[in-house]
Amino acid sequence: MKSFWQHTNGKVYALRSDSFGNLTGAAGPFELEDLKGLDDYHYGSAILDWVRQAVAEHKLHRINPTPVG
C-alpha cells in the first residue's frame, strides 16, 4: 500500500507499507503542489528510521491530496 503523509513542516512524503502496516519504503520530501502519482516515486530505505520516528511522534499524518489539473 502506498500513501502520502504530510509533516508538520508542510513537506510531503510518499510512504509504502506491507499488508501488516509495516513501513517498507519512503520517498521525499516533496511540495504539496508538486505531487505526482504514488507509483511515480522510487521508494527507498534511507529515510525509513526518520519516518518511523516522525510517525511515532505524530509529526506526520496521512493525507489524500486532490490532483492538480
PDB file of N, CA and C in Angstrom:
ATOM      1  N   MET A   1       0.851  -1.165   0.000  1.00  0.00           N
ATOM      2  CA  MET A   1       0.000   0.000   0.000  1.00  0.00           C
ATOM      3  C   MET A   1       0.898   1.230   0.000  1.00  0.00           C
ATOM      4  N   LYS A   2       0.520   2.227  -0.770  1.00  0.00           N
ATOM      5  CA  LYS A   2       1.260   3.477  -0.852  1.00  0.00           C
ATOM      6  C   LYS A   2       0.323   4.619  -0.489  1.00  0.00           C
ATOM      7  N   SER A   3       0.868   5.610   0.210  1.00  0.00           N
ATOM      8  CA  SER A   3       0.055   6.756   0.597  1.00  0.00           C
ATOM      9  C   SER A   3       0.950   7.965   0.835  1.00  0.00           C
ATOM     10  N   PHE A   4       0.337   9.143   0.802  1.00  0.00           N
ATOM     11  CA  PHE A   4       1.048  10.385   1.085  1.00  0.00           C
ATOM     12  C   PHE A   4       0.864  10.741   2.553  1.00  0.00           C
ATOM     13  N   TRP A   5       1.927  11.254   3.133  1.00  0.00           N
ATOM     14  CA  TRP A   5       1.908  11.725   4.508  1.00  0.00           C
ATOM     15  C   TRP A   5       2.537  13.114   4.546  1.00  0.00           C
ATOM     16  N   GLN A   6       1.945  14.014   5.332  1.00  0.00           N
ATOM     17  CA  GLN A   6       2.460  15.371   5.431  1.00  0.00           C
ATOM     18  C   GLN A   6       3.059  15.604   6.811  1.00  0.00           C
ATOM     19  N   HIS A   7       4.252  16.204   6.809  1.00  0.00           N
ATOM     20  CA  HIS A   7       4.953  16.542   8.049  1.00  0.00           C
ATOM     21  C   HIS A   7       4.399  17.858   8.589  1.00  0.00           C
ATOM     22  N   THR A   8       4.596  18.104   9.843  1.00  0.00           N
ATOM     23  CA  THR A   8       4.131  19.358  10.447  1.00  0.00           C
ATOM     24  C   THR A   8       4.813  20.575   9.821  1.00  0.00           C
ATOM     25  N   ASN A   9       5.948  20.376   9.138  1.00  0.00           N
ATOM     26  CA  ASN A   9       6.629  21.489   8.470  1.00  0.00           C
ATOM     27  C   ASN A   9       6.060  21.744   7.069  1.00  0.00           C
ATOM     28  N   GLY A  10       5.063  20.960   6.643  1.00  0.00           N
ATOM     29  CA  GLY A  10       4.412  21.159   5.355  1.00  0.00           C
ATOM     30  C   GLY A  10       4.909  20.251   4.248  1.00  0.00           C
ATOM     31  N   LYS A  11       6.083  19.648   4.398  1.00  0.00           N
ATOM     32  CA  LYS A  11       6.632  18.765   3.376  1.00  0.00           C
ATOM     33  C   LYS A  11       5.837  17.465   3.330  1.00  0.00           C
ATOM     34  N   VAL A  12       5.769  16.854   2.140  1.00  0.00           N
ATOM     35  CA  VAL A  12       5.001  15.639   1.934  1.00  0.00           C
ATOM     36  C   VAL A  12       5.943  14.495   1.575  1.00  0.00           C
ATOM     37  N   TYR A  13       5.626  13.324   2.075  1.00  0.00           N
ATOM     38  CA  TYR A  13       6.406  12.110   1.827  1.00  0.00           C
ATOM     39  C   TYR A  13       5.481  11.041   1.274  1.00  0.00           C
ATOM     40  N   ALA A  14       6.002  10.244   0.359  1.00  0.00           N
ATOM     41  CA  ALA A  14       5.271   9.089  -0.155  1.00  0.00           C
ATOM     42  C   ALA A  14       5.793   7.880   0.610  1.00  0.00           C
ATOM     43  N   LEU A  15       4.892   7.155   1.260  1.00  0.00           N
ATOM     44  CA  LEU A  15       5.284   6.010   2.065  1.00  0.00           C
ATOM     45  C   LEU A  15       4.672   4.732   1.510  1.00  0.00           C
ATOM     46  N   ARG A  16       5.441   3.648   1.604  1.00  0.00           N
ATOM     47  CA  ARG A  16       4.973   2.330   1.171  1.00  0.00           C
ATOM     48  C   ARG A  16       4.985   1.419   2.384  1.00  0.00           C
ATOM     49  N   SER A  17       3.913   0.629   2.530  1.00  0.00           N
ATOM     50  CA  SER A  17       3.837  -0.306   3.655  1.00  0.00           C
ATOM     51  C   SER A  17       3.352  -1.662   3.152  1.00  0.00           C
ATOM     52  N   ASP A  18       3.619  -2.684   3.953  1.00  0.00           N
ATOM     53  CA  ASP A  18       3.150  -4.024   3.597  1.00  0.00           C
ATOM     54  C   ASP A  18       1.721  -4.210   4.107  1.00  0.00           C
ATOM     55  N   SER A  19       1.172  -5.387   3.906  1.00  0.00           N
ATOM     56  CA  SER A  19      -0.221  -5.641   4.283  1.00  0.00           C
ATOM     57  C   SER A  19      -0.447  -5.631   5.792  1.00  0.00           C
ATOM     58  N   PHE A  20       0.636  -5.647   6.566  1.00  0.00           N
ATOM     59  CA  PHE A  20       0.526  -5.589   8.028  1.00  0.00           C
ATOM     60  C   PHE A  20       0.701  -4.174   8.568  1.00  0.00           C
ATOM     61  N   GLY A  21       0.928  -3.207   7.668  1.00  0.00           N
ATOM     62  CA  GLY A  21       1.103  -1.824   8.086  1.00  0.00           C
ATOM     63  C   GLY A  21       2.531  -1.443   8.412  1.00  0.00           C
ATOM     64  N   ASN A  22       3.483  -2.341   8.178  1.00  0.00           N
ATOM     65  CA  ASN A  22       4.893  -2.036   8.421  1.00  0.00           C
ATOM     66  C   ASN A  22       5.453  -1.207   7.273  1.00  0.00           C
ATOM     67  N   LEU A  23       6.116  -0.107   7.591  1.00  0.00           N
ATOM     68  CA  LEU A  23       6.703   0.731   6.550  1.00  0.00           C
ATOM     69  C   LEU A  23       7.853  -0.010   5.876  1.00  0.00           C
ATOM     70  N   THR A  24       7.833  -0.020   4.544  1.00  0.00           N
ATOM     71  CA  THR A  24       8.854  -0.740   3.783  1.00  0.00           C
ATOM     72  C   THR A  24       9.631   0.167   2.840  1.00  0.00           C
ATOM     73  N   GLY A  25       9.207   1.404   2.668  1.00  0.00           N
ATOM     74  CA  GLY A  25       9.916   2.326   1.798  1.00  0.00           C
ATOM     75  C   GLY A  25       9.346   3.722   1.922  1.00  0.00           C
ATOM     76  N   ALA A  26      10.174   4.707   1.571  1.00  0.00           N
ATOM     77  CA  ALA A  26       9.747   6.100   1.648  1.00  0.00           C
ATOM     78  C   ALA A  26      10.436   6.914   0.564  1.00  0.00           C
ATOM     79  N   ALA A  27       9.791   7.987   0.172  1.00  0.00           N
ATOM     80  CA  ALA A  27      10.354   8.922  -0.796  1.00  0.00           C
ATOM     81  C   ALA A  27       9.967  10.333  -0.367  1.00  0.00           C
ATOM     82  N   GLY A  28      10.835  11.277  -0.623  1.00  0.00           N
ATOM     83  CA  GLY A  28      10.532  12.666  -0.291  1.00  0.00           C
ATOM     84  C   GLY A  28      11.725  13.353   0.309  1.00  0.00           C
ATOM     85  N   PRO A  29      11.543  14.588   0.665  1.00  0.00           N
ATOM     86  CA  PRO A  29      10.312  15.372   0.789  1.00  0.00           C
ATOM     87  C   PRO A  29       9.905  16.032  -0.526  1.00  0.00           C
ATOM     88  N   PHE A  30       8.611  16.321  -0.624  1.00  0.00           N
ATOM     89  CA  PHE A  30       8.025  16.974  -1.785  1.00  0.00           C
ATOM     90  C   PHE A  30       7.141  18.126  -1.324  1.00  0.00           C
ATOM     91  N   GLU A  31       6.915  19.057  -2.244  1.00  0.00           N
ATOM     92  CA  GLU A  31       5.956  20.136  -2.008  1.00  0.00           C
ATOM     93  C   GLU A  31       4.571  19.621  -2.364  1.00  0.00           C
ATOM     94  N   LEU A  32       3.574  20.003  -1.620  1.00  0.00           N
ATOM     95  CA  LEU A  32       2.207  19.544  -1.838  1.00  0.00           C
ATOM     96  C   LEU A  32       1.736  19.817  -3.267  1.00  0.00           C
ATOM     97  N   GLU A  33       2.082  20.975  -3.795  1.00  0.00           N
ATOM     98  CA  GLU A  33       1.601  21.342  -5.126  1.00  0.00           C
ATOM     99  C   GLU A  33       2.367  20.653  -6.263  1.00  0.00           C
ATOM    100  N   ASP A  34       3.433  19.914  -5.949  1.00  0.00           N
ATOM    101  CA  ASP A  34       4.245  19.247  -6.976  1.00  0.00           C
ATOM    102  C   ASP A  34       4.106  17.727  -6.968  1.00  0.00           C
ATOM    103  N   LEU A  35       3.099  17.185  -6.304  1.00  0.00           N
ATOM    104  CA  LEU A  35       2.983  15.738  -6.178  1.00  0.00           C
ATOM    105  C   LEU A  35       2.605  15.073  -7.488  1.00  0.00           C
ATOM    106  N   LYS A  36       3.168  13.884  -7.698  1.00  0.00           N
ATOM    107  CA  LYS A  36       2.846  13.034  -8.842  1.00  0.00           C
ATOM    108  C   LYS A  36       1.991  11.881  -8.320  1.00  0.00           C
ATOM    109  N   GLY A  37       1.785  10.873  -9.137  1.00  0.00           N
ATOM    110  CA  GLY A  37       1.083   9.684  -8.682  1.00  0.00           C
ATOM    111  C   GLY A  37       1.967   8.850  -7.775  1.00  0.00           C
ATOM    112  N   LEU A  38       1.377   8.114  -6.868  1.00  0.00           N
ATOM    113  CA  LEU A  38       2.138   7.313  -5.911  1.00  0.00           C
ATOM    114  C   LEU A  38       3.051   6.282  -6.579  1.00  0.00           C
ATOM    115  N   ASP A  39       2.704   5.818  -7.760  1.00  0.00           N
ATOM    116  CA  ASP A  39       3.535   4.840  -8.466  1.00  0.00           C
ATOM    117  C   ASP A  39       4.710   5.482  -9.197  1.00  0.00           C
ATOM    118  N   ASP A  40       4.790   6.808  -9.215  1.00  0.00           N
ATOM    119  CA  ASP A  40       5.850   7.511  -9.930  1.00  0.00           C
ATOM    120  C   ASP A  40       7.109   7.746  -9.094  1.00  0.00           C
ATOM    121  N   TYR A  41       7.132   7.281  -7.865  1.00  0.00           N
ATOM    122  CA  TYR A  41       8.275   7.525  -6.982  1.00  0.00           C
ATOM    123  C   TYR A  41       9.094   6.264  -6.759  1.00  0.00           C
ATOM    124  N   HIS A  42      10.378   6.471  -6.463  1.00  0.00           N
ATOM    125  CA  HIS A  42      11.273   5.370  -6.085  1.00  0.00           C
ATOM    126  C   HIS A  42      11.297   5.330  -4.550  1.00  0.00           C
ATOM    127  N   TYR A  43      10.816   4.240  -3.991  1.00  0.00           N
ATOM    128  CA  TYR A  43      10.737   4.095  -2.536  1.00  0.00           C
ATOM    129  C   TYR A  43      11.995   3.402  -2.037  1.00  0.00           C
ATOM    130  N   GLY A  44      12.698   4.057  -1.134  1.00  0.00           N
ATOM    131  CA  GLY A  44      13.934   3.503  -0.606  1.00  0.00           C
ATOM    132  C   GLY A  44      13.883   3.389   0.907  1.00  0.00           C
ATOM    133  N   SER A  45      15.009   2.985   1.461  1.00  0.00           N
ATOM    134  CA  SER A  45      15.087   2.773   2.912  1.00  0.00           C
ATOM    135  C   SER A  45      15.913   3.828   3.628  1.00  0.00           C
ATOM    136  N   ALA A  46      16.499   4.773   2.905  1.00  0.00           N
ATOM    137  CA  ALA A  46      17.424   5.739   3.502  1.00  0.00           C
ATOM    138  C   ALA A  46      16.796   6.574   4.618  1.00  0.00           C
ATOM    139  N   ILE A  47      15.527   6.935   4.486  1.00  0.00           N
ATOM    140  CA  ILE A  47      14.898   7.800   5.499  1.00  0.00           C
ATOM    141  C   ILE A  47      13.879   7.058   6.357  1.00  0.00           C
ATOM    142  N   LEU A  48      13.830   5.733   6.245  1.00  0.00           N
ATOM    143  CA  LEU A  48      12.799   4.980   6.977  1.00  0.00           C
ATOM    144  C   LEU A  48      12.878   5.160   8.492  1.00  0.00           C
ATOM    145  N   ASP A  49      14.064   5.151   9.065  1.00  0.00           N
ATOM    146  CA  ASP A  49      14.171   5.334  10.521  1.00  0.00           C
ATOM    147  C   ASP A  49      13.618   6.692  10.937  1.00  0.00           C
ATOM    148  N   TRP A  50      13.954   7.726  10.162  1.00  0.00           N
ATOM    149  CA  TRP A  50      13.463   9.065  10.467  1.00  0.00           C
ATOM    150  C   TRP A  50      11.931   9.111  10.338  1.00  0.00           C
ATOM    151  N   VAL A  51      11.405   8.507   9.267  1.00  0.00           N
ATOM    152  CA  VAL A  51       9.952   8.499   9.046  1.00  0.00           C
ATOM    153  C   VAL A  51       9.237   7.770  10.180  1.00  0.00           C
ATOM    154  N   ARG A  52       9.744   6.625  10.566  1.00  0.00           N
ATOM    155  CA  ARG A  52       9.123   5.869  11.672  1.00  0.00           C
ATOM    156  C   ARG A  52       9.093   6.696  12.952  1.00  0.00           C
ATOM    157  N   GLN A  53      10.186   7.402  13.227  1.00  0.00           N
ATOM    158  CA  GLN A  53      10.243   8.251  14.419  1.00  0.00           C
ATOM    159  C   GLN A  53       9.236   9.399  14.312  1.00  0.00           C
ATOM    160  N   ALA A  54       9.148  10.027  13.138  1.00  0.00           N
ATOM    161  CA  ALA A  54       8.215  11.138  12.941  1.00  0.00           C
ATOM    162  C   ALA A  54       6.768  10.675  13.085  1.00  0.00           C
ATOM    163  N   VAL A  55       6.454   9.485  12.591  1.00  0.00           N
ATOM    164  CA  VAL A  55       5.100   8.936  12.757  1.00  0.00           C
ATOM    165  C   VAL A  55       4.828   8.686  14.237  1.00  0.00           C
ATOM    166  N   ALA A  56       5.784   8.100  14.933  1.00  0.00           N
ATOM    167  CA  ALA A  56       5.620   7.811  16.363  1.00  0.00           C
ATOM    168  C   ALA A  56       5.415   9.094  17.175  1.00  0.00           C
ATOM    169  N   GLU A  57       6.049  10.181  16.737  1.00  0.00           N
ATOM    170  CA  GLU A  57       5.927  11.463  17.441  1.00  0.00           C
ATOM    171  C   GLU A  57       4.748  12.297  16.929  1.00  0.00           C
ATOM    172  N   HIS A  58       3.922  11.717  16.057  1.00  0.00           N
ATOM    173  CA  HIS A  58       2.751  12.387  15.488  1.00  0.00           C
ATOM    174  C   HIS A  58       3.114  13.658  14.723  1.00  0.00           C
ATOM    175  N   LYS A  59       4.291  13.651  14.083  1.00  0.00           N
ATOM    176  CA  LYS A  59       4.708  14.773  13.247  1.00  0.00           C
ATOM    177  C   LYS A  59       4.344  14.547  11.787  1.00  0.00           C
ATOM    178  N   LEU A  60       3.930  13.338  11.440  1.00  0.00           N
ATOM    179  CA  LEU A  60       3.468  13.006  10.100  1.00  0.00           C
ATOM    180  C   LEU A  60       2.036  12.509  10.189  1.00  0.00           C
ATOM    181  N   HIS A  61       1.193  12.948   9.257  1.00  0.00           N
ATOM    182  CA  HIS A  61      -0.178  12.450   9.211  1.00  0.00           C
ATOM    183  C   HIS A  61      -0.543  12.162   7.760  1.00  0.00           C
ATOM    184  N   ARG A  62      -1.351  11.153   7.579  1.00  0.00           N
ATOM    185  CA  ARG A  62      -1.763  10.708   6.245  1.00  0.00           C
ATOM    186  C   ARG A  62      -2.672  11.755   5.611  1.00  0.00           C
ATOM    187  N   ILE A  63      -2.450  12.008   4.331  1.00  0.00           N
ATOM    188  CA  ILE A  63      -3.301  12.937   3.590  1.00  0.00           C
ATOM    189  C   ILE A  63      -3.767  12.262   2.302  1.00  0.00           C
ATOM    190  N   ASN A  64      -4.793  12.814   1.726  1.00  0.00           N
ATOM    191  CA  ASN A  64      -5.315  12.349   0.442  1.00  0.00           C
ATOM    192  C   ASN A  64      -5.451  13.566  -0.452  1.00  0.00           C
ATOM    193  N   PRO A  65      -4.313  14.010  -1.046  1.00  0.00           N
ATOM    194  CA  PRO A  65      -4.353  15.252  -1.834  1.00  0.00           C
ATOM    195  C   PRO A  65      -5.181  15.096  -3.101  1.00  0.00           C
ATOM    196  N   THR A  66      -5.779  16.200  -3.519  1.00  0.00           N
ATOM    197  CA  THR A  66      -6.542  16.239  -4.757  1.00  0.00           C
ATOM    198  C   THR A  66      -5.578  16.553  -5.890  1.00  0.00           C
ATOM    199  N   PRO A  67      -5.550  15.726  -6.931  1.00  0.00           N
ATOM    200  CA  PRO A  67      -4.644  16.000  -8.050  1.00  0.00           C
ATOM    201  C   PRO A  67      -4.936  17.361  -8.691  1.00  0.00           C
ATOM    202  N   VAL A  68      -3.872  18.032  -9.104  1.00  0.00           N
ATOM    203  CA  VAL A  68      -3.998  19.320  -9.767  1.00  0.00           C
ATOM    204  C   VAL A  68      -4.143  19.077 -11.254  1.00  0.00           C
ATOM    205  N   GLY A  69      -5.051  19.813 -11.904  1.00  0.00           N
ATOM    206  CA  GLY A  69      -5.198  19.730 -13.361  1.00  0.00           C
ATOM    207  C   GLY A  69      -6.234  18.812 -13.733  1.00  0.00           C
TER     208      GLY A  69
END
